[in-house]
Each structure stands twice: as structure tokens, then as C-alpha cells.
Amino acid sequence: MQKFTYNQEEYYWTGSEWLTAGFIRPPKVIEDVLNREYKKSMPTPTPTKPKPPLTNQNIQDRIAPVIAEIIHRQYAQTNQFVTRTEIVAGLISRPEIKHFLQEAHAQKPDHYTFVEYVGNQVDFFSKGITENTSHYVNHFEKTKINNKWAYKPATEAPR
């Protein structure tokens, strides 16, 4: 296995997949960045048809693990609920996520600003928890702060 460092985190290339220092697969957006940064010499397949437009589910599949990571890290530092605003700032501060979300925002015909759009994506994450349709239902506790949801890791282990 080859070891690489990206954003002060260690990742390993097994020859077929990326793993974190904890030997789990990183979020897709991190894998994409690692592929761009460290596997430049490897040929990439040429797409035969244009990429389909991103759906909210596609977007959530890519950013939900990152939102979860932001909540865990911020809570570990402050021991306080992590607000929607803090999550939005955390997403935008990561260049690979910001770029992905900018591409998704560009596909939308609405009149939201980019920051409003990112906030809406955090709201979709929250909706999945509220409606019990998200993988993260039992991972976080929610409360309202200034009429917006805020999160912290659940005190009980997820089921």
C-alpha cells in the first residue's frame, strides 16, 4: 500500500481503492481529489455519453458523509451543537466540495445564491434525518437554534 497525505489526513492506495488511516473508504469527493492529485499518470476512461444532471440524491450521496464529518469535528472541538451556518461554512471551506457544489448549483435554474444553495443542501440532509430516510437517522441529535436545525453526535451508538 502507498501512503499519501491530503489536507493533513493520511490516505492509502491499495492498488484498487483509497482507504483512510482507519482503513475505511473516504467520501467520494475525497477519492476524486486523491485520484486527481496522485493518480495523474493513470489513464482515465473517456465517457461515452454526457454526464446526467445531478439530482438532490446524487448530491446528498456525495456530501452527507462530509457533513457528518464536519459535525463530528466541530462538536469535538466545542462540545456544542453545530449550526447550519457552521456546516455551510465547513462545506464551502473545502475546495473539492465547494467545486462539486458549484457545478451542481450551475445546473439549477433557480435564483438562489451559491451560499443559499449550499444551505438548502444542508436542509435536505436534515430532512432525511427528520423523515427517517437517511443513513444518519440514529447518528445525530437535533435541536433548533435561531429557528434552524443544529446537530451533535448521538449519545447512543447508531443502530
Protein backbone atom coordinates (compact mmCIF):
# COMPACT_ATOMS: atom_id res chain seq x y z
CA MET A 1 0.00 0.00 0.00
CA GLN A 2 1.12 3.52 -0.78
CA LYS A 3 0.58 6.25 1.82
CA PHE A 4 -0.45 9.81 0.85
CA THR A 5 -1.29 12.92 2.84
CA TYR A 6 -4.07 15.29 1.82
CA ASN A 7 -5.39 18.16 4.00
CA GLN A 8 -3.28 16.83 6.90
CA GLU A 9 -5.06 13.45 6.75
CA GLU A 10 -3.42 10.17 5.76
CA TYR A 11 -4.83 8.04 2.95
CA TYR A 12 -3.68 4.73 1.49
CA TRP A 13 -3.87 3.49 -2.10
CA THR A 14 -4.26 -0.30 -2.16
CA GLY A 15 -3.86 -0.58 -5.90
CA SER A 16 -7.62 -0.67 -6.40
CA GLU A 17 -9.16 1.68 -3.80
CA TRP A 18 -8.45 4.52 -1.37
CA LEU A 19 -8.63 3.98 2.38
CA THR A 20 -8.38 6.38 5.33
CA ALA A 21 -5.92 5.88 8.17
CA GLY A 22 -8.80 4.00 9.87
CA PHE A 23 -8.95 1.70 6.83
CA ILE A 24 -12.41 2.76 5.65
CA ARG A 25 -13.25 4.30 2.29
CA PRO A 26 -13.22 8.10 2.31
CA PRO A 27 -16.15 10.10 0.88
CA LYS A 28 -16.40 10.06 -2.94
CA VAL A 29 -15.35 13.70 -3.25
CA ILE A 30 -12.13 12.97 -1.33
CA GLU A 31 -11.49 9.93 -3.54
CA ASP A 32 -11.96 12.16 -6.60
CA VAL A 33 -9.40 14.65 -5.30
CA LEU A 34 -6.93 11.90 -4.41
CA ASN A 35 -7.36 10.42 -7.88
CA ARG A 36 -6.71 13.81 -9.49
CA GLU A 37 -3.73 14.60 -7.28
CA TYR A 38 -1.97 11.25 -7.02
CA LYS A 39 -3.05 9.12 -9.97
CA LYS A 40 -2.47 11.65 -12.75
CA SER A 41 -0.42 9.23 -14.81
CA MET A 42 -3.15 6.58 -14.83
CA PRO A 43 -5.43 6.63 -17.87
CA THR A 44 -8.99 7.62 -17.15
CA PRO A 45 -11.88 6.21 -19.14
CA THR A 46 -13.44 8.58 -21.63
CA PRO A 47 -17.15 8.96 -21.03
CA THR A 48 -19.25 7.75 -23.93
CA LYS A 49 -22.20 10.00 -23.13
CA PRO A 50 -22.61 13.28 -21.28
CA LYS A 51 -22.97 13.22 -17.52
CA PRO A 52 -26.61 13.27 -16.42
CA PRO A 53 -27.69 16.26 -14.36
CA LEU A 54 -27.10 15.91 -10.66
CA THR A 55 -30.14 15.15 -8.52
CA ASN A 56 -30.55 16.06 -4.88
CA GLN A 57 -29.98 12.38 -4.06
CA ASN A 58 -26.71 12.29 -6.06
CA ILE A 59 -25.59 15.42 -4.26
CA GLN A 60 -26.55 14.06 -0.85
CA ASP A 61 -24.73 10.80 -1.57
CA ARG A 62 -21.54 12.81 -2.05
CA ILE A 63 -21.85 15.46 0.65
CA ALA A 64 -23.69 13.69 3.51
CA PRO A 65 -20.52 11.91 4.72
CA VAL A 66 -18.70 15.24 4.64
CA ILE A 67 -21.50 16.94 6.61
CA ALA A 68 -21.29 14.12 9.16
CA GLU A 69 -17.53 14.62 9.43
CA ILE A 70 -17.94 18.38 9.89
CA ILE A 71 -20.45 17.82 12.70
CA HIS A 72 -18.18 15.32 14.47
CA ARG A 73 -15.07 17.50 14.19
CA GLN A 74 -16.79 20.74 15.20
CA TYR A 75 -18.54 19.06 18.14
CA ALA A 76 -15.26 17.51 19.29
CA GLN A 77 -13.72 21.00 19.38
CA THR A 78 -16.60 22.90 21.01
CA ASN A 79 -18.80 20.30 22.72
CA GLN A 80 -21.79 22.32 21.42
CA PHE A 81 -24.43 21.72 18.78
CA VAL A 82 -23.14 22.50 15.28
CA THR A 83 -25.34 25.01 13.47
CA ARG A 84 -26.47 25.02 9.87
CA THR A 85 -24.33 28.12 9.28
CA GLU A 86 -21.23 26.34 10.61
CA ILE A 87 -21.92 23.32 8.40
CA VAL A 88 -22.35 25.55 5.32
CA ALA A 89 -19.05 27.29 6.13
CA GLY A 90 -17.38 23.91 6.58
CA LEU A 91 -18.60 22.68 3.19
CA ILE A 92 -17.54 25.85 1.39
CA SER A 93 -14.11 25.85 3.05
CA ARG A 94 -13.22 22.52 1.41
CA PRO A 95 -12.12 23.24 -2.16
CA GLU A 96 -13.17 19.86 -3.58
CA ILE A 97 -16.65 20.10 -2.03
CA LYS A 98 -17.04 23.74 -2.99
CA HIS A 99 -16.17 22.92 -6.62
CA PHE A 100 -18.62 19.99 -6.68
CA LEU A 101 -21.41 22.12 -5.21
CA GLN A 102 -20.65 24.98 -7.63
CA GLU A 103 -21.12 22.55 -10.53
CA ALA A 104 -24.40 21.32 -9.03
CA HIS A 105 -25.58 24.89 -8.39
CA ALA A 106 -24.81 25.85 -12.00
CA GLN A 107 -27.24 23.13 -13.18
CA LYS A 108 -30.14 24.61 -11.21
CA PRO A 109 -32.36 27.20 -12.91
CA ASP A 110 -33.40 28.76 -9.58
CA HIS A 111 -32.33 32.15 -8.33
CA TYR A 112 -30.65 31.08 -5.11
CA THR A 113 -27.20 32.41 -4.35
CA PHE A 114 -24.50 29.79 -4.02
CA VAL A 115 -24.48 30.07 -0.21
CA GLU A 116 -28.29 29.72 -0.11
CA TYR A 117 -27.98 26.66 -2.35
CA VAL A 118 -25.42 25.05 -0.04
CA GLY A 119 -27.71 25.82 2.91
CA ASN A 120 -30.55 24.08 1.08
CA GLN A 121 -28.36 21.01 0.70
CA VAL A 122 -27.78 21.02 4.48
CA ASP A 123 -31.57 21.28 4.85
CA PHE A 124 -32.00 18.19 2.62
CA PHE A 125 -29.56 16.35 4.90
CA SER A 126 -31.71 17.41 7.88
CA LYS A 127 -34.93 16.39 6.14
CA GLY A 128 -33.57 12.87 5.66
CA ILE A 129 -32.95 12.61 9.39
CA THR A 130 -36.38 14.05 10.27
CA GLU A 131 -38.22 11.74 7.87
CA ASN A 132 -36.16 8.65 8.81
CA THR A 133 -34.97 8.21 5.22
CA SER A 134 -31.28 8.93 5.85
CA HIS A 135 -28.50 6.59 6.80
CA TYR A 136 -27.69 9.16 9.50
CA VAL A 137 -31.03 8.96 11.36
CA ASN A 138 -29.55 7.50 14.55
CA HIS A 139 -26.16 9.17 14.24
CA PHE A 140 -27.13 12.70 15.31
CA GLU A 141 -29.29 14.59 17.76
CA LYS A 142 -31.04 17.74 16.51
CA THR A 143 -32.23 20.92 18.15
CA LYS A 144 -33.30 24.30 16.84
CA ILE A 145 -31.02 27.29 17.32
CA ASN A 146 -32.26 30.60 15.90
CA ASN A 147 -35.05 28.70 14.13
CA LYS A 148 -32.55 26.50 12.22
CA TRP A 149 -31.54 22.92 12.96
CA ALA A 150 -28.25 22.25 14.72
CA TYR A 151 -26.66 18.86 15.33
CA LYS A 152 -24.38 16.90 17.60
CA PRO A 153 -23.32 13.25 17.55
CA ALA A 154 -25.86 10.94 19.17
CA THR A 155 -25.04 9.88 22.70
CA GLU A 156 -26.06 6.28 21.96
CA ALA A 157 -24.37 4.19 19.30
CA PRO A 158 -26.26 4.12 15.96
CA ARG A 159 -28.43 1.06 15.39
